Amino acid sequence: MDHATPNLPSRNFLKTERFYSKLSFSASYRSGHWLILQRGAVHLEFFPWPDLDPAQNNHSCCIRLNDLGALVSQCAEAGVPEAREGIPRIVPPQRDISGLTIAYLIDPDGSLLRLVQNPPA
């Protein structure tokens, strides 16, 4: 099966893994130069960038989900602040001009993950 995975920066793989583990991601690969986290069919790949300034990070990706609400709830349970500013944070789901429902998660390294609700089948 063909698929694409986002490559995102991480200042510290251990801290990245800890953050995402609270959102039900687990490591499927780990080395000193690469980290792959998986949550069901969703894979996120991370490369080291120890001197990254999270406020200057412009990396992003979209994650399309069948149950956006479940991941948003996990963010709240994990203590990710619901806010429009700050790192990390989550901006709650809302209907976009495209008609899609989207939430925005900023991880501790400043990467933007657009969490998109899949339309009903």
N, C-alpha and C. Protein backbone atom coordinates (compact mmCIF):
# COMPACT_ATOMS: atom_id res chain seq x y z
N MET A 1 0.85 -1.18 0.00
CA MET A 1 0.00 0.00 0.00
C MET A 1 0.90 1.24 0.00
N ASP A 2 0.68 2.15 -0.92
CA ASP A 2 1.41 3.40 -0.96
C ASP A 2 0.89 4.32 0.14
N HIS A 3 1.79 5.08 0.74
CA HIS A 3 1.39 6.07 1.73
C HIS A 3 2.52 7.06 1.93
N ALA A 4 2.19 8.17 2.52
CA ALA A 4 3.17 9.21 2.83
C ALA A 4 3.17 9.43 4.34
N THR A 5 4.32 9.81 4.87
CA THR A 5 4.39 10.13 6.30
C THR A 5 5.10 11.47 6.46
N PRO A 6 4.59 12.30 7.37
CA PRO A 6 5.24 13.58 7.61
C PRO A 6 6.57 13.38 8.33
N ASN A 7 7.53 14.23 8.03
CA ASN A 7 8.82 14.26 8.72
C ASN A 7 8.86 15.57 9.49
N LEU A 8 8.94 15.47 10.82
CA LEU A 8 8.87 16.63 11.69
C LEU A 8 10.12 16.71 12.55
N PRO A 9 10.51 17.92 12.95
CA PRO A 9 11.70 18.08 13.79
C PRO A 9 11.42 17.76 15.25
N SER A 10 12.46 17.31 15.93
CA SER A 10 12.38 17.05 17.37
C SER A 10 13.66 17.53 18.02
N ARG A 11 13.51 18.32 19.08
CA ARG A 11 14.68 18.76 19.83
C ARG A 11 15.22 17.64 20.70
N ASN A 12 14.33 16.72 21.09
CA ASN A 12 14.72 15.64 22.00
C ASN A 12 13.75 14.48 21.78
N PHE A 13 14.25 13.36 21.23
CA PHE A 13 13.38 12.24 20.91
C PHE A 13 12.62 11.72 22.13
N LEU A 14 13.27 11.65 23.27
CA LEU A 14 12.61 11.12 24.47
C LEU A 14 11.42 12.01 24.85
N LYS A 15 11.61 13.32 24.83
CA LYS A 15 10.51 14.24 25.16
C LYS A 15 9.40 14.17 24.12
N THR A 16 9.78 14.04 22.85
CA THR A 16 8.78 13.91 21.78
C THR A 16 7.96 12.64 21.99
N GLU A 17 8.64 11.55 22.27
CA GLU A 17 7.94 10.28 22.48
C GLU A 17 7.02 10.36 23.70
N ARG A 18 7.47 10.98 24.76
CA ARG A 18 6.63 11.12 25.96
C ARG A 18 5.36 11.93 25.66
N PHE A 19 5.51 13.05 24.95
CA PHE A 19 4.35 13.88 24.61
C PHE A 19 3.33 13.08 23.80
N TYR A 20 3.79 12.45 22.72
CA TYR A 20 2.87 11.75 21.84
C TYR A 20 2.34 10.46 22.45
N SER A 21 3.06 9.86 23.40
CA SER A 21 2.55 8.64 24.04
C SER A 21 1.26 8.94 24.81
N LYS A 22 1.12 10.16 25.31
CA LYS A 22 -0.11 10.56 26.00
C LYS A 22 -1.29 10.67 25.03
N LEU A 23 -0.98 10.66 23.73
CA LEU A 23 -2.02 10.73 22.69
C LEU A 23 -2.15 9.39 21.97
N SER A 24 -1.68 8.33 22.62
CA SER A 24 -1.78 6.94 22.14
C SER A 24 -0.83 6.61 20.98
N PHE A 25 0.22 7.38 20.81
CA PHE A 25 1.25 7.02 19.84
C PHE A 25 2.30 6.17 20.56
N SER A 26 2.89 5.23 19.83
CA SER A 26 3.99 4.45 20.40
C SER A 26 5.09 4.34 19.35
N ALA A 27 6.30 4.15 19.82
CA ALA A 27 7.45 4.08 18.92
C ALA A 27 7.44 2.76 18.15
N SER A 28 7.55 2.85 16.84
CA SER A 28 7.71 1.66 16.02
C SER A 28 9.15 1.56 15.50
N TYR A 29 9.89 2.67 15.62
CA TYR A 29 11.31 2.67 15.26
C TYR A 29 11.99 3.80 16.03
N ARG A 30 13.20 3.52 16.50
CA ARG A 30 13.94 4.52 17.26
C ARG A 30 15.43 4.28 17.03
N SER A 31 16.14 5.34 16.68
CA SER A 31 17.60 5.32 16.62
C SER A 31 18.06 6.71 17.04
N GLY A 32 19.34 6.95 17.02
CA GLY A 32 19.85 8.27 17.36
C GLY A 32 19.55 9.31 16.30
N HIS A 33 19.14 8.83 15.11
CA HIS A 33 18.95 9.74 13.98
C HIS A 33 17.52 9.76 13.44
N TRP A 34 16.63 8.94 13.99
CA TRP A 34 15.27 8.89 13.45
C TRP A 34 14.35 8.28 14.48
N LEU A 35 13.12 8.77 14.53
CA LEU A 35 12.09 8.26 15.43
C LEU A 35 10.79 8.16 14.64
N ILE A 36 10.14 7.01 14.72
CA ILE A 36 8.84 6.83 14.08
C ILE A 36 7.83 6.48 15.17
N LEU A 37 6.77 7.27 15.23
CA LEU A 37 5.69 7.03 16.17
C LEU A 37 4.44 6.64 15.39
N GLN A 38 3.66 5.75 15.99
CA GLN A 38 2.49 5.21 15.30
C GLN A 38 1.28 5.21 16.23
N ARG A 39 0.15 5.57 15.66
CA ARG A 39 -1.15 5.50 16.34
C ARG A 39 -2.11 4.92 15.32
N GLY A 40 -2.37 3.62 15.41
CA GLY A 40 -3.16 2.96 14.37
C GLY A 40 -2.44 3.08 13.04
N ALA A 41 -3.14 3.59 12.04
CA ALA A 41 -2.55 3.74 10.71
C ALA A 41 -1.79 5.04 10.53
N VAL A 42 -1.77 5.89 11.55
CA VAL A 42 -1.09 7.19 11.47
C VAL A 42 0.36 7.01 11.91
N HIS A 43 1.29 7.43 11.06
CA HIS A 43 2.71 7.38 11.36
C HIS A 43 3.28 8.80 11.31
N LEU A 44 4.05 9.16 12.30
CA LEU A 44 4.78 10.43 12.32
C LEU A 44 6.26 10.10 12.43
N GLU A 45 7.07 10.69 11.57
CA GLU A 45 8.50 10.47 11.60
C GLU A 45 9.20 11.75 12.05
N PHE A 46 10.21 11.59 12.89
CA PHE A 46 10.91 12.73 13.46
C PHE A 46 12.40 12.63 13.19
N PHE A 47 12.99 13.77 12.89
CA PHE A 47 14.44 13.87 12.73
C PHE A 47 14.98 14.80 13.80
N PRO A 48 16.23 14.62 14.20
CA PRO A 48 16.78 15.45 15.28
C PRO A 48 17.08 16.87 14.80
N TRP A 49 16.70 17.83 15.64
CA TRP A 49 17.03 19.24 15.42
C TRP A 49 17.16 19.85 16.82
N PRO A 50 18.27 19.55 17.51
CA PRO A 50 18.41 19.94 18.92
C PRO A 50 18.36 21.44 19.19
N ASP A 51 18.76 22.27 18.24
CA ASP A 51 18.77 23.72 18.49
C ASP A 51 17.59 24.44 17.85
N LEU A 52 16.53 23.70 17.52
CA LEU A 52 15.32 24.28 16.94
C LEU A 52 14.68 25.26 17.91
N ASP A 53 14.26 26.40 17.40
CA ASP A 53 13.46 27.35 18.16
C ASP A 53 12.00 27.05 17.82
N PRO A 54 11.22 26.48 18.76
CA PRO A 54 9.83 26.12 18.46
C PRO A 54 9.00 27.28 17.90
N ALA A 55 9.27 28.49 18.32
CA ALA A 55 8.51 29.65 17.84
C ALA A 55 8.81 29.94 16.37
N GLN A 56 9.92 29.42 15.84
CA GLN A 56 10.30 29.65 14.45
C GLN A 56 10.03 28.44 13.56
N ASN A 57 9.51 27.37 14.15
CA ASN A 57 9.27 26.14 13.40
C ASN A 57 8.11 26.33 12.43
N ASN A 58 8.33 26.00 11.15
CA ASN A 58 7.25 26.12 10.17
C ASN A 58 6.87 24.76 9.57
N HIS A 59 7.22 23.67 10.24
CA HIS A 59 6.84 22.33 9.78
C HIS A 59 5.38 22.06 10.15
N SER A 60 4.68 21.36 9.25
CA SER A 60 3.28 21.03 9.52
C SER A 60 2.87 19.80 8.74
N CYS A 61 1.71 19.26 9.11
CA CYS A 61 1.13 18.14 8.38
C CYS A 61 -0.36 18.08 8.68
N CYS A 62 -1.07 17.28 7.93
CA CYS A 62 -2.48 16.99 8.18
C CYS A 62 -2.61 15.54 8.59
N ILE A 63 -3.44 15.31 9.59
CA ILE A 63 -3.80 13.95 9.98
C ILE A 63 -5.31 13.85 9.81
N ARG A 64 -5.74 12.94 8.99
CA ARG A 64 -7.17 12.75 8.73
C ARG A 64 -7.66 11.61 9.61
N LEU A 65 -8.71 11.91 10.37
CA LEU A 65 -9.17 11.00 11.42
C LEU A 65 -10.64 10.65 11.26
N ASN A 66 -10.97 9.41 11.60
CA ASN A 66 -12.37 9.00 11.64
C ASN A 66 -13.06 9.51 12.90
N ASP A 67 -12.29 9.73 13.97
CA ASP A 67 -12.86 10.21 15.23
C ASP A 67 -11.99 11.34 15.78
N LEU A 68 -12.17 12.51 15.21
CA LEU A 68 -11.42 13.69 15.64
C LEU A 68 -11.66 13.97 17.12
N GLY A 69 -12.90 13.82 17.57
CA GLY A 69 -13.24 14.10 18.96
C GLY A 69 -12.44 13.27 19.94
N ALA A 70 -12.15 12.02 19.60
CA ALA A 70 -11.39 11.15 20.51
C ALA A 70 -9.97 11.70 20.71
N LEU A 71 -9.31 12.13 19.65
CA LEU A 71 -7.96 12.65 19.79
C LEU A 71 -7.97 13.99 20.51
N VAL A 72 -8.95 14.83 20.25
CA VAL A 72 -9.07 16.11 20.94
C VAL A 72 -9.27 15.87 22.44
N SER A 73 -10.10 14.88 22.79
CA SER A 73 -10.30 14.53 24.20
C SER A 73 -9.02 14.04 24.84
N GLN A 74 -8.24 13.24 24.11
CA GLN A 74 -6.96 12.75 24.64
C GLN A 74 -6.01 13.92 24.89
N CYS A 75 -6.04 14.92 24.02
CA CYS A 75 -5.20 16.10 24.22
C CYS A 75 -5.57 16.78 25.54
N ALA A 76 -6.86 16.93 25.79
CA ALA A 76 -7.32 17.56 27.03
C ALA A 76 -6.89 16.73 28.24
N GLU A 77 -7.07 15.41 28.16
CA GLU A 77 -6.68 14.52 29.26
C GLU A 77 -5.18 14.55 29.50
N ALA A 78 -4.40 14.79 28.44
CA ALA A 78 -2.94 14.84 28.55
C ALA A 78 -2.45 16.20 29.05
N GLY A 79 -3.37 17.14 29.22
CA GLY A 79 -2.99 18.45 29.73
C GLY A 79 -2.52 19.43 28.68
N VAL A 80 -2.79 19.14 27.40
CA VAL A 80 -2.44 20.09 26.34
C VAL A 80 -3.40 21.26 26.45
N PRO A 81 -2.90 22.48 26.65
CA PRO A 81 -3.80 23.63 26.83
C PRO A 81 -4.62 23.93 25.58
N GLU A 82 -5.89 24.25 25.79
CA GLU A 82 -6.74 24.73 24.71
C GLU A 82 -6.53 26.24 24.66
N ALA A 83 -5.86 26.70 23.59
CA ALA A 83 -5.49 28.11 23.53
C ALA A 83 -5.22 28.52 22.09
N ARG A 84 -5.13 29.81 21.87
CA ARG A 84 -4.77 30.37 20.56
C ARG A 84 -3.30 30.75 20.50
N GLU A 85 -2.63 30.74 21.66
CA GLU A 85 -1.20 31.06 21.72
C GLU A 85 -0.53 30.08 22.66
N GLY A 86 0.79 29.97 22.52
CA GLY A 86 1.56 29.10 23.40
C GLY A 86 1.95 27.81 22.72
N ILE A 87 2.96 27.17 23.28
CA ILE A 87 3.50 25.91 22.76
C ILE A 87 3.74 25.00 23.94
N PRO A 88 3.15 23.81 23.97
CA PRO A 88 2.17 23.24 23.04
C PRO A 88 0.78 23.81 23.29
N ARG A 89 -0.13 23.51 22.37
CA ARG A 89 -1.52 23.92 22.52
C ARG A 89 -2.39 23.18 21.52
N ILE A 90 -3.69 23.23 21.77
CA ILE A 90 -4.65 22.73 20.79
C ILE A 90 -5.72 23.80 20.60
N VAL A 91 -6.05 24.03 19.35
CA VAL A 91 -7.16 24.92 19.01
C VAL A 91 -8.34 23.99 18.71
N PRO A 92 -9.46 24.17 19.41
CA PRO A 92 -10.57 23.22 19.28
C PRO A 92 -11.10 23.10 17.86
N PRO A 93 -11.75 21.98 17.58
CA PRO A 93 -12.30 21.78 16.23
C PRO A 93 -13.34 22.83 15.88
N GLN A 94 -13.30 23.20 14.61
CA GLN A 94 -14.33 24.09 14.09
C GLN A 94 -14.50 23.83 12.61
N ARG A 95 -15.64 24.20 12.11
CA ARG A 95 -15.94 24.01 10.69
C ARG A 95 -15.13 25.02 9.89
N ASP A 96 -14.36 24.53 8.94
CA ASP A 96 -13.52 25.36 8.08
C ASP A 96 -14.34 25.81 6.87
N ILE A 97 -13.85 26.83 6.17
CA ILE A 97 -14.53 27.32 4.96
C ILE A 97 -14.66 26.20 3.91
N SER A 98 -13.76 25.21 3.99
CA SER A 98 -13.80 24.08 3.07
C SER A 98 -14.97 23.15 3.36
N GLY A 99 -15.59 23.32 4.54
CA GLY A 99 -16.66 22.41 4.96
C GLY A 99 -16.16 21.31 5.88
N LEU A 100 -14.84 21.18 6.01
CA LEU A 100 -14.25 20.17 6.89
C LEU A 100 -14.18 20.69 8.32
N THR A 101 -14.22 19.77 9.27
CA THR A 101 -14.01 20.12 10.67
C THR A 101 -12.56 19.86 11.01
N ILE A 102 -11.86 20.89 11.52
CA ILE A 102 -10.42 20.82 11.74
C ILE A 102 -10.08 21.37 13.12
N ALA A 103 -9.19 20.67 13.82
CA ALA A 103 -8.57 21.17 15.04
C ALA A 103 -7.08 21.36 14.73
N TYR A 104 -6.41 22.15 15.53
CA TYR A 104 -4.99 22.44 15.29
C TYR A 104 -4.20 22.12 16.55
N LEU A 105 -3.24 21.21 16.42
CA LEU A 105 -2.38 20.82 17.53
C LEU A 105 -0.98 21.34 17.25
N ILE A 106 -0.43 22.09 18.18
CA ILE A 106 0.97 22.52 18.11
C ILE A 106 1.72 21.67 19.13
N ASP A 107 2.71 20.91 18.67
CA ASP A 107 3.45 20.06 19.59
C ASP A 107 4.54 20.85 20.32
N PRO A 108 5.23 20.25 21.28
CA PRO A 108 6.22 21.00 22.06
C PRO A 108 7.38 21.59 21.25
N ASP A 109 7.59 21.07 20.04
CA ASP A 109 8.65 21.61 19.18
C ASP A 109 8.12 22.63 18.19
N GLY A 110 6.83 22.97 18.30
CA GLY A 110 6.24 24.00 17.45
C GLY A 110 5.69 23.51 16.12
N SER A 111 5.71 22.19 15.86
CA SER A 111 5.13 21.67 14.62
C SER A 111 3.61 21.74 14.69
N LEU A 112 2.99 22.12 13.58
CA LEU A 112 1.54 22.23 13.47
C LEU A 112 0.97 20.95 12.87
N LEU A 113 0.06 20.32 13.59
CA LEU A 113 -0.65 19.15 13.08
C LEU A 113 -2.11 19.55 12.90
N ARG A 114 -2.56 19.58 11.66
CA ARG A 114 -3.97 19.85 11.36
C ARG A 114 -4.71 18.54 11.54
N LEU A 115 -5.63 18.49 12.46
CA LEU A 115 -6.41 17.28 12.73
C LEU A 115 -7.74 17.43 12.04
N VAL A 116 -7.94 16.65 10.98
CA VAL A 116 -9.08 16.81 10.08
C VAL A 116 -10.04 15.63 10.25
N GLN A 117 -11.30 15.94 10.54
CA GLN A 117 -12.33 14.90 10.63
C GLN A 117 -12.65 14.37 9.24
N ASN A 118 -12.54 13.05 9.07
CA ASN A 118 -12.94 12.44 7.79
C ASN A 118 -14.45 12.59 7.63
N PRO A 119 -14.90 12.85 6.40
CA PRO A 119 -16.35 12.89 6.18
C PRO A 119 -16.95 11.50 6.41
N PRO A 120 -18.23 11.44 6.76
CA PRO A 120 -18.87 10.13 6.94
C PRO A 120 -18.80 9.31 5.65
N ALA A 121 -18.64 8.02 5.81
CA ALA A 121 -18.53 7.13 4.63
C ALA A 121 -19.87 6.94 3.96
